[in-house]
Amino acid sequence: MGFEVDVTGEGIVLHWEQCTAEQFAFYKVIRSRNPNPSYLPGTEGSVVIAAFENGEVTQFVDGVDEGGTWYYRVQSIGYADGQKFLLGQTPVRSVTVE
């Protein structure tokens, strides 16, 4: 999944490619101070800052109120046979906020 992050006057704008998999259930947008953000267990410091069930949503604006370096990733979650699973994920992008 392609992924871009831009800093604007509105905040940190995340843009990602749409997931078109048949089993798509939702996106999770993750932010972390650590370089490997994930909603999966065992990933310390990661926070899910947004979730979207609409597969056509491909943008989110994060209004962080604290400076420093932030790491972002979007994960596509699938659902089949009563189980959630990771369909795909973007590369990690970092942003430094003054």
PDB file of N, CA and C in Angstrom:
ATOM      1  N   MET A   1       0.845  -1.181   0.000  1.00  0.00           N
ATOM      2  CA  MET A   1       0.000   0.000   0.000  1.00  0.00           C
ATOM      3  C   MET A   1       0.892   1.246   0.000  1.00  0.00           C
ATOM      4  N   GLY A   2       0.655   2.135  -0.933  1.00  0.00           N
ATOM      5  CA  GLY A   2       1.368   3.400  -0.970  1.00  0.00           C
ATOM      6  C   GLY A   2       0.937   4.287   0.185  1.00  0.00           C
ATOM      7  N   PHE A   3       1.832   5.155   0.637  1.00  0.00           N
ATOM      8  CA  PHE A   3       1.560   5.960   1.827  1.00  0.00           C
ATOM      9  C   PHE A   3       2.390   7.226   1.794  1.00  0.00           C
ATOM     10  N   GLU A   4       1.735   8.369   2.001  1.00  0.00           N
ATOM     11  CA  GLU A   4       2.421   9.654   2.065  1.00  0.00           C
ATOM     12  C   GLU A   4       1.963  10.401   3.307  1.00  0.00           C
ATOM     13  N   VAL A   5       2.875  11.170   3.874  1.00  0.00           N
ATOM     14  CA  VAL A   5       2.584  11.969   5.059  1.00  0.00           C
ATOM     15  C   VAL A   5       3.080  13.392   4.797  1.00  0.00           C
ATOM     16  N   ASP A   6       2.218  14.374   5.025  1.00  0.00           N
ATOM     17  CA  ASP A   6       2.562  15.776   4.817  1.00  0.00           C
ATOM     18  C   ASP A   6       2.206  16.572   6.066  1.00  0.00           C
ATOM     19  N   VAL A   7       3.030  17.558   6.387  1.00  0.00           N
ATOM     20  CA  VAL A   7       2.729  18.460   7.495  1.00  0.00           C
ATOM     21  C   VAL A   7       2.152  19.737   6.891  1.00  0.00           C
ATOM     22  N   THR A   8       0.936  20.088   7.321  1.00  0.00           N
ATOM     23  CA  THR A   8       0.264  21.287   6.825  1.00  0.00           C
ATOM     24  C   THR A   8      -0.186  22.129   8.010  1.00  0.00           C
ATOM     25  N   GLY A   9      -0.823  23.241   7.737  1.00  0.00           N
ATOM     26  CA  GLY A   9      -1.374  24.074   8.791  1.00  0.00           C
ATOM     27  C   GLY A   9      -2.504  23.392   9.538  1.00  0.00           C
ATOM     28  N   GLU A  10      -3.123  22.381   8.914  1.00  0.00           N
ATOM     29  CA  GLU A  10      -4.217  21.631   9.539  1.00  0.00           C
ATOM     30  C   GLU A  10      -3.711  20.561  10.492  1.00  0.00           C
ATOM     31  N   GLY A  11      -2.491  20.107  10.289  1.00  0.00           N
ATOM     32  CA  GLY A  11      -1.937  19.024  11.087  1.00  0.00           C
ATOM     33  C   GLY A  11      -1.105  18.112  10.210  1.00  0.00           C
ATOM     34  N   ILE A  12      -0.963  16.876  10.613  1.00  0.00           N
ATOM     35  CA  ILE A  12      -0.226  15.882   9.841  1.00  0.00           C
ATOM     36  C   ILE A  12      -1.247  15.128   8.995  1.00  0.00           C
ATOM     37  N   VAL A  13      -1.121  15.258   7.679  1.00  0.00           N
ATOM     38  CA  VAL A  13      -2.087  14.665   6.748  1.00  0.00           C
ATOM     39  C   VAL A  13      -1.515  13.358   6.216  1.00  0.00           C
ATOM     40  N   LEU A  14      -2.270  12.290   6.426  1.00  0.00           N
ATOM     41  CA  LEU A  14      -1.868  10.970   5.951  1.00  0.00           C
ATOM     42  C   LEU A  14      -2.740  10.589   4.754  1.00  0.00           C
ATOM     43  N   HIS A  15      -2.106  10.114   3.672  1.00  0.00           N
ATOM     44  CA  HIS A  15      -2.808   9.654   2.470  1.00  0.00           C
ATOM     45  C   HIS A  15      -2.314   8.236   2.173  1.00  0.00           C
ATOM     46  N   TRP A  16      -3.220   7.308   1.922  1.00  0.00           N
ATOM     47  CA  TRP A  16      -2.801   5.941   1.609  1.00  0.00           C
ATOM     48  C   TRP A  16      -3.616   5.392   0.452  1.00  0.00           C
ATOM     49  N   GLU A  17      -3.098   4.319  -0.147  1.00  0.00           N
ATOM     50  CA  GLU A  17      -3.795   3.643  -1.235  1.00  0.00           C
ATOM     51  C   GLU A  17      -4.962   2.840  -0.685  1.00  0.00           C
ATOM     52  N   GLN A  18      -6.014   2.795  -1.449  1.00  0.00           N
ATOM     53  CA  GLN A  18      -7.211   2.051  -1.057  1.00  0.00           C
ATOM     54  C   GLN A  18      -6.946   0.545  -1.098  1.00  0.00           C
ATOM     55  N   CYS A  19      -7.457  -0.156  -0.114  1.00  0.00           N
ATOM     56  CA  CYS A  19      -7.402  -1.615  -0.087  1.00  0.00           C
ATOM     57  C   CYS A  19      -8.646  -2.142  -0.801  1.00  0.00           C
ATOM     58  N   THR A  20      -8.455  -2.982  -1.796  1.00  0.00           N
ATOM     59  CA  THR A  20      -9.583  -3.494  -2.578  1.00  0.00           C
ATOM     60  C   THR A  20      -9.825  -4.990  -2.353  1.00  0.00           C
ATOM     61  N   ALA A  21      -9.201  -5.562  -1.349  1.00  0.00           N
ATOM     62  CA  ALA A  21      -9.374  -6.983  -1.060  1.00  0.00           C
ATOM     63  C   ALA A  21     -10.823  -7.286  -0.666  1.00  0.00           C
ATOM     64  N   GLU A  22     -11.309  -8.405  -1.074  1.00  0.00           N
ATOM     65  CA  GLU A  22     -12.684  -8.805  -0.794  1.00  0.00           C
ATOM     66  C   GLU A  22     -12.971  -8.940   0.698  1.00  0.00           C
ATOM     67  N   GLN A  23     -11.987  -9.366   1.470  1.00  0.00           N
ATOM     68  CA  GLN A  23     -12.180  -9.584   2.905  1.00  0.00           C
ATOM     69  C   GLN A  23     -11.990  -8.314   3.739  1.00  0.00           C
ATOM     70  N   PHE A  24     -11.762  -7.152   3.094  1.00  0.00           N
ATOM     71  CA  PHE A  24     -11.518  -5.914   3.832  1.00  0.00           C
ATOM     72  C   PHE A  24     -12.624  -5.648   4.846  1.00  0.00           C
ATOM     73  N   ALA A  25     -12.206  -5.287   6.077  1.00  0.00           N
ATOM     74  CA  ALA A  25     -13.160  -4.937   7.126  1.00  0.00           C
ATOM     75  C   ALA A  25     -12.956  -3.493   7.584  1.00  0.00           C
ATOM     76  N   PHE A  26     -11.689  -3.072   7.795  1.00  0.00           N
ATOM     77  CA  PHE A  26     -11.428  -1.702   8.221  1.00  0.00           C
ATOM     78  C   PHE A  26      -9.947  -1.374   8.146  1.00  0.00           C
ATOM     79  N   TYR A  27      -9.668  -0.066   8.176  1.00  0.00           N
ATOM     80  CA  TYR A  27      -8.310   0.445   8.304  1.00  0.00           C
ATOM     81  C   TYR A  27      -8.088   0.821   9.761  1.00  0.00           C
ATOM     82  N   LYS A  28      -6.858   0.657  10.221  1.00  0.00           N
ATOM     83  CA  LYS A  28      -6.436   1.196  11.508  1.00  0.00           C
ATOM     84  C   LYS A  28      -5.260   2.125  11.229  1.00  0.00           C
ATOM     85  N   VAL A  29      -5.374   3.356  11.724  1.00  0.00           N
ATOM     86  CA  VAL A  29      -4.310   4.345  11.585  1.00  0.00           C
ATOM     87  C   VAL A  29      -3.574   4.380  12.910  1.00  0.00           C
ATOM     88  N   ILE A  30      -2.260   4.132  12.860  1.00  0.00           N
ATOM     89  CA  ILE A  30      -1.476   3.979  14.083  1.00  0.00           C
ATOM     90  C   ILE A  30      -0.386   5.039  14.158  1.00  0.00           C
ATOM     91  N   ARG A  31      -0.184   5.575  15.366  1.00  0.00           N
ATOM     92  CA  ARG A  31       0.876   6.551  15.643  1.00  0.00           C
ATOM     93  C   ARG A  31       1.704   6.026  16.805  1.00  0.00           C
ATOM     94  N   SER A  32       3.019   6.292  16.753  1.00  0.00           N
ATOM     95  CA  SER A  32       3.908   5.833  17.817  1.00  0.00           C
ATOM     96  C   SER A  32       5.144   6.715  17.894  1.00  0.00           C
ATOM     97  N   ARG A  33       5.793   6.687  19.022  1.00  0.00           N
ATOM     98  CA  ARG A  33       7.113   7.303  19.168  1.00  0.00           C
ATOM     99  C   ARG A  33       8.199   6.308  18.743  1.00  0.00           C
ATOM    100  N   ASN A  34       7.823   5.054  18.624  1.00  0.00           N
ATOM    101  CA  ASN A  34       8.756   3.995  18.229  1.00  0.00           C
ATOM    102  C   ASN A  34       8.665   3.752  16.728  1.00  0.00           C
ATOM    103  N   PRO A  35       9.744   3.300  16.084  1.00  0.00           N
ATOM    104  CA  PRO A  35       9.773   3.172  14.624  1.00  0.00           C
ATOM    105  C   PRO A  35       9.020   1.983  14.030  1.00  0.00           C
ATOM    106  N   ASN A  36       8.248   1.247  14.822  1.00  0.00           N
ATOM    107  CA  ASN A  36       7.490   0.127  14.277  1.00  0.00           C
ATOM    108  C   ASN A  36       6.043   0.155  14.786  1.00  0.00           C
ATOM    109  N   PRO A  37       5.254   1.164  14.379  1.00  0.00           N
ATOM    110  CA  PRO A  37       3.875   1.240  14.876  1.00  0.00           C
ATOM    111  C   PRO A  37       3.006   0.097  14.341  1.00  0.00           C
ATOM    112  N   SER A  38       2.191  -0.469  15.218  1.00  0.00           N
ATOM    113  CA  SER A  38       1.293  -1.554  14.820  1.00  0.00           C
ATOM    114  C   SER A  38       0.193  -1.714  15.856  1.00  0.00           C
ATOM    115  N   TYR A  39      -0.978  -2.140  15.403  1.00  0.00           N
ATOM    116  CA  TYR A  39      -2.049  -2.420  16.351  1.00  0.00           C
ATOM    117  C   TYR A  39      -1.896  -3.823  16.914  1.00  0.00           C
ATOM    118  N   LEU A  40      -1.012  -4.622  16.336  1.00  0.00           N
ATOM    119  CA  LEU A  40      -0.840  -6.005  16.763  1.00  0.00           C
ATOM    120  C   LEU A  40      -0.249  -6.069  18.170  1.00  0.00           C
ATOM    121  N   PRO A  41      -0.633  -7.062  18.949  1.00  0.00           N
ATOM    122  CA  PRO A  41      -0.107  -7.207  20.316  1.00  0.00           C
ATOM    123  C   PRO A  41       1.423  -7.300  20.317  1.00  0.00           C
ATOM    124  N   GLY A  42       2.011  -6.816  21.376  1.00  0.00           N
ATOM    125  CA  GLY A  42       3.456  -6.893  21.509  1.00  0.00           C
ATOM    126  C   GLY A  42       4.189  -5.701  20.928  1.00  0.00           C
ATOM    127  N   THR A  43       3.451  -4.719  20.450  1.00  0.00           N
ATOM    128  CA  THR A  43       4.073  -3.513  19.894  1.00  0.00           C
ATOM    129  C   THR A  43       3.842  -2.377  20.869  1.00  0.00           C
ATOM    130  N   GLU A  44       4.847  -2.091  21.682  1.00  0.00           N
ATOM    131  CA  GLU A  44       4.710  -1.083  22.729  1.00  0.00           C
ATOM    132  C   GLU A  44       4.704   0.327  22.161  1.00  0.00           C
ATOM    133  N   GLY A  45       3.918   1.184  22.794  1.00  0.00           N
ATOM    134  CA  GLY A  45       3.906   2.594  22.450  1.00  0.00           C
ATOM    135  C   GLY A  45       3.026   2.978  21.279  1.00  0.00           C
ATOM    136  N   SER A  46       2.390   2.022  20.654  1.00  0.00           N
ATOM    137  CA  SER A  46       1.532   2.320  19.508  1.00  0.00           C
ATOM    138  C   SER A  46       0.116   2.641  19.962  1.00  0.00           C
ATOM    139  N   VAL A  47      -0.486   3.615  19.282  1.00  0.00           N
ATOM    140  CA  VAL A  47      -1.853   4.016  19.588  1.00  0.00           C
ATOM    141  C   VAL A  47      -2.645   4.048  18.293  1.00  0.00           C
ATOM    142  N   VAL A  48      -3.804   3.398  18.292  1.00  0.00           N
ATOM    143  CA  VAL A  48      -4.713   3.492  17.150  1.00  0.00           C
ATOM    144  C   VAL A  48      -5.413   4.840  17.278  1.00  0.00           C
ATOM    145  N   ILE A  49      -5.155   5.741  16.326  1.00  0.00           N
ATOM    146  CA  ILE A  49      -5.718   7.093  16.408  1.00  0.00           C
ATOM    147  C   ILE A  49      -6.965   7.242  15.550  1.00  0.00           C
ATOM    148  N   ALA A  50      -7.230   6.262  14.678  1.00  0.00           N
ATOM    149  CA  ALA A  50      -8.449   6.286  13.866  1.00  0.00           C
ATOM    150  C   ALA A  50      -8.688   4.899  13.294  1.00  0.00           C
ATOM    151  N   ALA A  51      -9.955   4.593  13.041  1.00  0.00           N
ATOM    152  CA  ALA A  51     -10.341   3.348  12.379  1.00  0.00           C
ATOM    153  C   ALA A  51     -11.481   3.672  11.425  1.00  0.00           C
ATOM    154  N   PHE A  52     -11.434   3.090  10.236  1.00  0.00           N
ATOM    155  CA  PHE A  52     -12.446   3.355   9.212  1.00  0.00           C
ATOM    156  C   PHE A  52     -12.932   2.053   8.604  1.00  0.00           C
ATOM    157  N   GLU A  53     -14.247   1.835   8.641  1.00  0.00           N
ATOM    158  CA  GLU A  53     -14.834   0.664   8.003  1.00  0.00           C
ATOM    159  C   GLU A  53     -15.074   0.889   6.522  1.00  0.00           C
ATOM    160  N   ASN A  54     -15.119   2.132   6.111  1.00  0.00           N
ATOM    161  CA  ASN A  54     -15.333   2.481   4.707  1.00  0.00           C
ATOM    162  C   ASN A  54     -13.997   2.356   3.971  1.00  0.00           C
ATOM    163  N   GLY A  55     -13.893   1.405   3.058  1.00  0.00           N
ATOM    164  CA  GLY A  55     -12.659   1.171   2.327  1.00  0.00           C
ATOM    165  C   GLY A  55     -12.275   2.293   1.385  1.00  0.00           C
ATOM    166  N   GLU A  56     -13.204   3.215   1.131  1.00  0.00           N
ATOM    167  CA  GLU A  56     -12.906   4.324   0.238  1.00  0.00           C
ATOM    168  C   GLU A  56     -12.238   5.496   0.960  1.00  0.00           C
ATOM    169  N   VAL A  57     -12.214   5.460   2.282  1.00  0.00           N
ATOM    170  CA  VAL A  57     -11.517   6.495   3.053  1.00  0.00           C
ATOM    171  C   VAL A  57     -10.022   6.249   2.893  1.00  0.00           C
ATOM    172  N   THR A  58      -9.296   7.253   2.419  1.00  0.00           N
ATOM    173  CA  THR A  58      -7.858   7.101   2.205  1.00  0.00           C
ATOM    174  C   THR A  58      -7.074   8.310   2.715  1.00  0.00           C
ATOM    175  N   GLN A  59      -7.664   9.060   3.639  1.00  0.00           N
ATOM    176  CA  GLN A  59      -6.981  10.225   4.193  1.00  0.00           C
ATOM    177  C   GLN A  59      -7.431  10.461   5.626  1.00  0.00           C
ATOM    178  N   PHE A  60      -6.486  10.937   6.439  1.00  0.00           N
ATOM    179  CA  PHE A  60      -6.777  11.291   7.822  1.00  0.00           C
ATOM    180  C   PHE A  60      -5.851  12.425   8.223  1.00  0.00           C
ATOM    181  N   VAL A  61      -6.358  13.375   8.996  1.00  0.00           N
ATOM    182  CA  VAL A  61      -5.546  14.483   9.503  1.00  0.00           C
ATOM    183  C   VAL A  61      -5.375  14.296  11.002  1.00  0.00           C
ATOM    184  N   ASP A  62      -4.123  14.171  11.429  1.00  0.00           N
ATOM    185  CA  ASP A  62      -3.803  14.009  12.843  1.00  0.00           C
ATOM    186  C   ASP A  62      -3.366  15.360  13.395  1.00  0.00           C
ATOM    187  N   GLY A  63      -4.034  15.817  14.405  1.00  0.00           N
ATOM    188  CA  GLY A  63      -3.699  17.094  15.030  1.00  0.00           C
ATOM    189  C   GLY A  63      -2.877  16.890  16.281  1.00  0.00           C
ATOM    190  N   VAL A  64      -1.672  16.334  16.148  1.00  0.00           N
ATOM    191  CA  VAL A  64      -0.831  16.117  17.332  1.00  0.00           C
ATOM    192  C   VAL A  64      -0.575  17.435  18.032  1.00  0.00           C
ATOM    193  N   ASP A  65      -0.571  17.401  19.349  1.00  0.00           N
ATOM    194  CA  ASP A  65      -0.363  18.622  20.120  1.00  0.00           C
ATOM    195  C   ASP A  65       0.950  18.590  20.894  1.00  0.00           C
ATOM    196  N   GLU A  66       1.833  17.701  20.471  1.00  0.00           N
ATOM    197  CA  GLU A  66       3.129  17.570  21.130  1.00  0.00           C
ATOM    198  C   GLU A  66       4.203  17.432  20.057  1.00  0.00           C
ATOM    199  N   GLY A  67       5.301  18.144  20.215  1.00  0.00           N
ATOM    200  CA  GLY A  67       6.385  18.103  19.244  1.00  0.00           C
ATOM    201  C   GLY A  67       7.195  16.823  19.333  1.00  0.00           C
ATOM    202  N   GLY A  68       8.173  16.714  18.451  1.00  0.00           N
ATOM    203  CA  GLY A  68       9.047  15.547  18.421  1.00  0.00           C
ATOM    204  C   GLY A  68       8.805  14.729  17.169  1.00  0.00           C
ATOM    205  N   THR A  69       9.390  13.551  17.150  1.00  0.00           N
ATOM    206  CA  THR A  69       9.247  12.665  15.997  1.00  0.00           C
ATOM    207  C   THR A  69       8.146  11.643  16.255  1.00  0.00           C
ATOM    208  N   TRP A  70       7.255  11.520  15.265  1.00  0.00           N
ATOM    209  CA  TRP A  70       6.144  10.567  15.310  1.00  0.00           C
ATOM    210  C   TRP A  70       6.282   9.611  14.131  1.00  0.00           C
ATOM    211  N   TYR A  71       5.897   8.360  14.353  1.00  0.00           N
ATOM    212  CA  TYR A  71       5.914   7.341  13.311  1.00  0.00           C
ATOM    213  C   TYR A  71       4.477   6.911  13.036  1.00  0.00           C
ATOM    214  N   TYR A  72       4.156   6.758  11.750  1.00  0.00           N
ATOM    215  CA  TYR A  72       2.794   6.417  11.342  1.00  0.00           C
ATOM    216  C   TYR A  72       2.786   5.188  10.435  1.00  0.00           C
ATOM    217  N   ARG A  73       1.679   4.465  10.496  1.00  0.00           N
ATOM    218  CA  ARG A  73       1.427   3.334   9.596  1.00  0.00           C
ATOM    219  C   ARG A  73      -0.084   3.145   9.520  1.00  0.00           C
ATOM    220  N   VAL A  74      -0.561   2.689   8.367  1.00  0.00           N
ATOM    221  CA  VAL A  74      -1.962   2.313   8.204  1.00  0.00           C
ATOM    222  C   VAL A  74      -1.989   0.809   7.931  1.00  0.00           C
ATOM    223  N   GLN A  75      -2.837   0.112   8.666  1.00  0.00           N
ATOM    224  CA  GLN A  75      -2.974  -1.328   8.482  1.00  0.00           C
ATOM    225  C   GLN A  75      -4.390  -1.641   8.013  1.00  0.00           C
ATOM    226  N   SER A  76      -4.480  -2.506   6.997  1.00  0.00           N
ATOM    227  CA  SER A  76      -5.771  -2.980   6.499  1.00  0.00           C
ATOM    228  C   SER A  76      -6.079  -4.295   7.197  1.00  0.00           C
ATOM    229  N   ILE A  77      -7.246  -4.356   7.793  1.00  0.00           N
ATOM    230  CA  ILE A  77      -7.648  -5.541   8.536  1.00  0.00           C
ATOM    231  C   ILE A  77      -8.762  -6.246   7.768  1.00  0.00           C
ATOM    232  N   GLY A  78      -8.619  -7.548   7.651  1.00  0.00           N
ATOM    233  CA  GLY A  78      -9.644  -8.360   6.995  1.00  0.00           C
ATOM    234  C   GLY A  78     -10.434  -9.138   8.019  1.00  0.00           C
ATOM    235  N   TYR A  79     -11.568  -9.663   7.568  1.00  0.00           N
ATOM    236  CA  TYR A  79     -12.406 -10.463   8.448  1.00  0.00           C
ATOM    237  C   TYR A  79     -12.991 -11.611   7.628  1.00  0.00           C
ATOM    238  N   ALA A  80     -12.749 -12.825   8.079  1.00  0.00           N
ATOM    239  CA  ALA A  80     -13.288 -14.005   7.409  1.00  0.00           C
ATOM    240  C   ALA A  80     -13.358 -15.143   8.427  1.00  0.00           C
ATOM    241  N   ASP A  81     -14.369 -15.967   8.293  1.00  0.00           N
ATOM    242  CA  ASP A  81     -14.552 -17.128   9.180  1.00  0.00           C
ATOM    243  C   ASP A  81     -14.496 -16.737  10.654  1.00  0.00           C
ATOM    244  N   GLY A  82     -15.037 -15.557  10.977  1.00  0.00           N
ATOM    245  CA  GLY A  82     -15.095 -15.115  12.360  1.00  0.00           C
ATOM    246  C   GLY A  82     -13.774 -14.638  12.926  1.00  0.00           C
ATOM    247  N   GLN A  83     -12.762 -14.445  12.082  1.00  0.00           N
ATOM    248  CA  GLN A  83     -11.450 -14.038  12.556  1.00  0.00           C
ATOM    249  C   GLN A  83     -10.974 -12.770  11.860  1.00  0.00           C
ATOM    250  N   LYS A  84     -10.321 -11.884  12.625  1.00  0.00           N
ATOM    251  CA  LYS A  84      -9.655 -10.713  12.054  1.00  0.00           C
ATOM    252  C   LYS A  84      -8.232 -11.121  11.676  1.00  0.00           C
ATOM    253  N   PHE A  85      -7.723 -10.521  10.594  1.00  0.00           N
ATOM    254  CA  PHE A  85      -6.345 -10.780  10.196  1.00  0.00           C
ATOM    255  C   PHE A  85      -5.800  -9.578   9.431  1.00  0.00           C
ATOM    256  N   LEU A  86      -4.482  -9.455   9.406  1.00  0.00           N
ATOM    257  CA  LEU A  86      -3.821  -8.357   8.726  1.00  0.00           C
ATOM    258  C   LEU A  86      -3.779  -8.652   7.232  1.00  0.00           C
ATOM    259  N   LEU A  87      -4.463  -7.811   6.453  1.00  0.00           N
ATOM    260  CA  LEU A  87      -4.459  -7.949   4.990  1.00  0.00           C
ATOM    261  C   LEU A  87      -3.215  -7.329   4.383  1.00  0.00           C
ATOM    262  N   GLY A  88      -2.831  -6.186   4.897  1.00  0.00           N
ATOM    263  CA  GLY A  88      -1.686  -5.462   4.368  1.00  0.00           C
ATOM    264  C   GLY A  88      -1.425  -4.234   5.207  1.00  0.00           C
ATOM    265  N   GLN A  89      -0.287  -3.613   4.950  1.00  0.00           N
ATOM    266  CA  GLN A  89       0.058  -2.419   5.707  1.00  0.00           C
ATOM    267  C   GLN A  89       0.955  -1.528   4.872  1.00  0.00           C
ATOM    268  N   THR A  90       0.951  -0.262   5.229  1.00  0.00           N
ATOM    269  CA  THR A  90       1.802   0.698   4.550  1.00  0.00           C
ATOM    270  C   THR A  90       3.211   0.607   5.123  1.00  0.00           C
ATOM    271  N   PRO A  91       4.172   1.184   4.416  1.00  0.00           N
ATOM    272  CA  PRO A  91       5.478   1.353   5.061  1.00  0.00           C
ATOM    273  C   PRO A  91       5.333   2.374   6.183  1.00  0.00           C
ATOM    274  N   VAL A  92       6.283   2.423   7.063  1.00  0.00           N
ATOM    275  CA  VAL A  92       6.278   3.400   8.152  1.00  0.00           C
ATOM    276  C   VAL A  92       6.805   4.728   7.604  1.00  0.00           C
ATOM    277  N   ARG A  93       6.147   5.810   8.005  1.00  0.00           N
ATOM    278  CA  ARG A  93       6.614   7.159   7.669  1.00  0.00           C
ATOM    279  C   ARG A  93       6.796   7.926   8.968  1.00  0.00           C
ATOM    280  N   SER A  94       7.843   8.733   9.026  1.00  0.00           N
ATOM    281  CA  SER A  94       8.083   9.543  10.223  1.00  0.00           C
ATOM    282  C   SER A  94       7.934  11.017   9.909  1.00  0.00           C
ATOM    283  N   VAL A  95       7.558  11.766  10.929  1.00  0.00           N
ATOM    284  CA  VAL A  95       7.375  13.214  10.822  1.00  0.00           C
ATOM    285  C   VAL A  95       7.950  13.816  12.100  1.00  0.00           C
ATOM    286  N   THR A  96       8.701  14.897  11.935  1.00  0.00           N
ATOM    287  CA  THR A  96       9.200  15.618  13.102  1.00  0.00           C
ATOM    288  C   THR A  96       8.453  16.946  13.187  1.00  0.00           C
ATOM    289  N   VAL A  97       7.836  17.161  14.345  1.00  0.00           N
ATOM    290  CA  VAL A  97       7.043  18.360  14.594  1.00  0.00           C
ATOM    291  C   VAL A  97       7.812  19.238  15.572  1.00  0.00           C
ATOM    292  N   GLU A  98       7.919  20.501  15.255  1.00  0.00           N
ATOM    293  CA  GLU A  98       8.640  21.446  16.119  1.00  0.00           C
ATOM    294  C   GLU A  98       7.777  21.813  17.306  1.00  0.00           C
TER     295      GLU A  98
END
